[in-house]
Amino acid sequence: MSENAQTIREHYAASDRGDLGGMLAPFADDIRWTEAAGFPYAGTYVGPEAVAAGVFGRIQDEWDEYTVAVDQVVDGGDTIVGVGTYSGTSKASGRFFAARFAHVWRLENGRVTAFEQVVDSALVNRAYAD
């Protein structure tokens, strides 16, 4: 396993622990984090603080027992792909969802410079809407 794949595995492990600092640690100062069109947090966030506030903070505020269960990390050198399942219960609606995802991570010199989420946003939105 490459150092880049290990970096992404460590990000996911930090997420499992609820360790925001560990999640943000490998991010470049100008990371471009793209949430899928149609997803509740759709758009591109630039910089670790924008990702923390616009994505991670909102997930914490708006979902109960939100999980990112990673089944596979595909090592493509400077491009790493994580595949798994999101799940959680919307605090607003009380509805549960589970949706498969793929995350495409791009790294340069051991730092995450870009992230792209691919997910069935309709499944998430059915639970999200109140």
Protein backbone atom coordinates (compact mmCIF):
# COMPACT_ATOMS: atom_id res chain seq x y z
CA MET A 1 0.00 0.00 0.00
CA SER A 2 1.32 3.42 -0.95
CA GLU A 3 1.77 6.30 1.47
CA ASN A 4 -1.10 8.08 -0.29
CA ALA A 5 -3.47 5.16 0.30
CA GLN A 6 -2.36 5.05 3.93
CA THR A 7 -3.04 8.77 4.26
CA ILE A 8 -6.62 8.25 3.07
CA ARG A 9 -7.11 5.23 5.35
CA GLU A 10 -5.95 7.42 8.25
CA HIS A 11 -8.48 10.11 7.26
CA TYR A 12 -11.28 7.53 7.34
CA ALA A 13 -10.04 6.17 10.69
CA ALA A 14 -10.08 9.71 12.12
CA SER A 15 -13.64 10.09 10.84
CA ASP A 16 -14.62 6.87 12.63
CA ARG A 17 -13.19 8.30 15.87
CA GLY A 18 -14.87 11.68 15.41
CA ASP A 19 -11.41 13.30 15.25
CA LEU A 20 -11.89 16.45 13.14
CA GLY A 21 -8.24 17.48 13.48
CA GLY A 22 -7.12 14.09 12.21
CA MET A 23 -9.56 14.29 9.32
CA LEU A 24 -8.23 17.71 8.25
CA ALA A 25 -4.53 16.96 8.89
CA PRO A 26 -3.65 15.72 5.38
CA PHE A 27 -5.52 18.51 3.56
CA ALA A 28 -3.58 21.04 1.52
CA ASP A 29 -4.33 24.67 2.38
CA ASP A 30 -6.09 25.06 -0.98
CA ILE A 31 -7.87 21.69 -1.12
CA ARG A 32 -10.85 21.68 -3.49
CA TRP A 33 -13.55 19.47 -1.92
CA THR A 34 -16.52 18.76 -4.22
CA GLU A 35 -19.79 17.36 -2.92
CA ALA A 36 -22.01 15.77 -5.60
CA ALA A 37 -24.68 17.76 -7.42
CA GLY A 38 -28.01 17.15 -5.74
CA PHE A 39 -26.41 16.23 -2.39
CA PRO A 40 -27.59 18.42 0.53
CA TYR A 41 -24.15 20.08 0.71
CA ALA A 42 -23.50 20.19 -3.07
CA GLY A 43 -20.74 22.43 -4.30
CA THR A 44 -17.00 22.93 -4.06
CA TYR A 45 -15.40 24.06 -0.82
CA VAL A 46 -11.88 25.51 -0.91
CA GLY A 47 -9.61 25.10 2.11
CA PRO A 48 -9.83 22.89 5.19
CA GLU A 49 -11.88 25.41 7.19
CA ALA A 50 -14.52 25.61 4.46
CA VAL A 51 -14.76 21.80 4.35
CA ALA A 52 -14.99 21.59 8.15
CA ALA A 53 -17.79 24.17 8.33
CA GLY A 54 -19.66 23.47 5.09
CA VAL A 55 -19.58 19.67 5.21
CA PHE A 56 -18.35 18.03 8.43
CA GLY A 57 -19.98 20.53 10.80
CA ARG A 58 -23.31 20.35 8.99
CA ILE A 59 -23.26 16.55 9.06
CA GLN A 60 -22.69 16.64 12.82
CA ASP A 61 -25.47 19.20 13.30
CA GLU A 62 -28.05 17.61 11.00
CA TRP A 63 -27.66 13.82 11.35
CA ASP A 64 -27.73 11.22 14.09
CA GLU A 65 -25.38 8.23 13.87
CA TYR A 66 -24.00 9.35 10.50
CA THR A 67 -21.43 6.79 9.36
CA VAL A 68 -18.98 6.50 6.50
CA ALA A 69 -18.36 2.75 6.22
CA VAL A 70 -15.47 2.18 3.81
CA ASP A 71 -15.33 -1.23 2.14
CA GLN A 72 -12.37 -0.66 -0.15
CA VAL A 73 -9.53 1.77 -0.77
CA VAL A 74 -8.19 1.52 -4.31
CA ASP A 75 -4.58 2.61 -4.63
CA GLY A 76 -3.95 4.48 -7.86
CA GLY A 77 -0.79 6.28 -6.78
CA ASP A 78 -1.65 9.99 -6.72
CA THR A 79 -5.35 9.14 -7.13
CA ILE A 80 -7.02 7.08 -4.41
CA VAL A 81 -10.62 5.86 -4.52
CA GLY A 82 -12.64 5.00 -1.44
CA VAL A 83 -15.80 2.92 -1.88
CA GLY A 84 -18.40 2.34 0.79
CA THR A 85 -21.77 3.25 2.30
CA TYR A 86 -23.04 6.36 4.03
CA SER A 87 -25.85 5.95 6.55
CA GLY A 88 -27.59 8.01 9.18
CA THR A 89 -30.84 9.41 10.47
CA SER A 90 -31.93 12.96 9.72
CA LYS A 91 -32.52 14.99 12.87
CA ALA A 92 -35.14 17.06 11.01
CA SER A 93 -37.22 14.22 9.55
CA GLY A 94 -36.31 11.22 11.70
CA ARG A 95 -35.79 9.17 8.52
CA PHE A 96 -32.88 6.78 8.02
CA PHE A 97 -30.92 6.37 4.80
CA ALA A 98 -28.11 4.23 3.41
CA ALA A 99 -26.40 5.10 0.12
CA ARG A 100 -23.33 3.75 -1.64
CA PHE A 101 -20.55 6.21 -2.42
CA ALA A 102 -17.24 6.53 -4.21
CA HIS A 103 -14.71 9.15 -3.16
CA VAL A 104 -11.99 10.21 -5.57
CA TRP A 105 -8.98 11.66 -3.74
CA ARG A 106 -6.07 13.42 -5.45
CA LEU A 107 -2.79 13.91 -3.63
CA GLU A 108 0.42 15.81 -4.34
CA ASN A 109 3.50 15.41 -2.15
CA GLY A 110 1.45 13.53 0.44
CA ARG A 111 -1.20 16.27 0.77
CA VAL A 112 -4.83 15.99 -0.34
CA THR A 113 -5.38 18.63 -3.02
CA ALA A 114 -8.80 17.53 -4.31
CA PHE A 115 -11.75 15.36 -3.36
CA GLU A 116 -14.82 14.42 -5.39
CA GLN A 117 -17.88 12.64 -4.03
CA VAL A 118 -20.04 10.34 -6.16
CA VAL A 119 -23.27 9.24 -4.44
CA ASP A 120 -26.95 8.55 -5.11
CA SER A 121 -28.10 11.89 -3.72
CA ALA A 122 -31.79 10.99 -4.09
CA LEU A 123 -31.49 8.41 -1.30
CA VAL A 124 -29.92 10.99 1.01
CA ASN A 125 -32.43 13.69 0.14
CA ARG A 126 -35.44 11.45 0.86
CA ALA A 127 -34.22 11.19 4.45
CA TYR A 128 -32.92 14.76 4.69
CA ALA A 129 -36.14 16.54 3.72
CA ASP A 130 -38.56 17.21 6.56
